[in-house]
Amino acid sequence: MMPMGPTTLEELLDREAIRDCLMRYCRGIDRIDPEMIESAYWPGAIDDHGNFRGTVAEFLTFAADRLREMDQTTHFIGNILIELQGESAHVETYFDAYHRMSRADGSRYDLSTAGRYVDRFEKRGGEWRIADRVVAWDWFREYPESADWERGVLGLKFRSSRKPEDPIYNRT
């Protein structure tokens, strides 16, 4: 096994810090936790989500409003390509997202989306965060409501929720 030099170790730590930031974003979105979402972006960062483009502060309001229209969301991260360039990095992250949606008439449906976060990260004061994001949707599909959510998963109690009721916020 080849010993790692300081540059190699620092690069590995930078890559892990970027991955951690991406995971914080996903938890923040799924739990509607504005502080967690905000922790993934630098102040003044720009987010382009298709029909929305604005600062991170504006995105927090946009996202919270949209997410409250949904019963549940789950985001998964897939391939992550990180191109480090000193104190900045270009990062392409594949995602799958599942949403339980409600129509105006009260009926529900499931929405599955897939795409990529095309990000520019910056490292400031030893911390990596998103400075600029473009979301590129690659795929989506709508399904009629396919499960009795009142019954739960295999008859078990459904515990997933939003902040502060979700179990992640009640750890001891």
Foldseek 3Di string as FASTA:
>chain_A
DDDDDPVRVVVVVVVVLLVVLVVLCQQCLFQVPLVSNCVQEDFQAWEAEDVDIDTSVVVSVVSSVVSVQFQGKGKDWDDWDWADDDQKIWIKIKMKMKTWHADPVGFIKIKIWIWIWGFMWGADPNHIHTRYTYTDTDDMDIGGDDDDPVCPDVNDDDQDHHPPRHVVNVDD
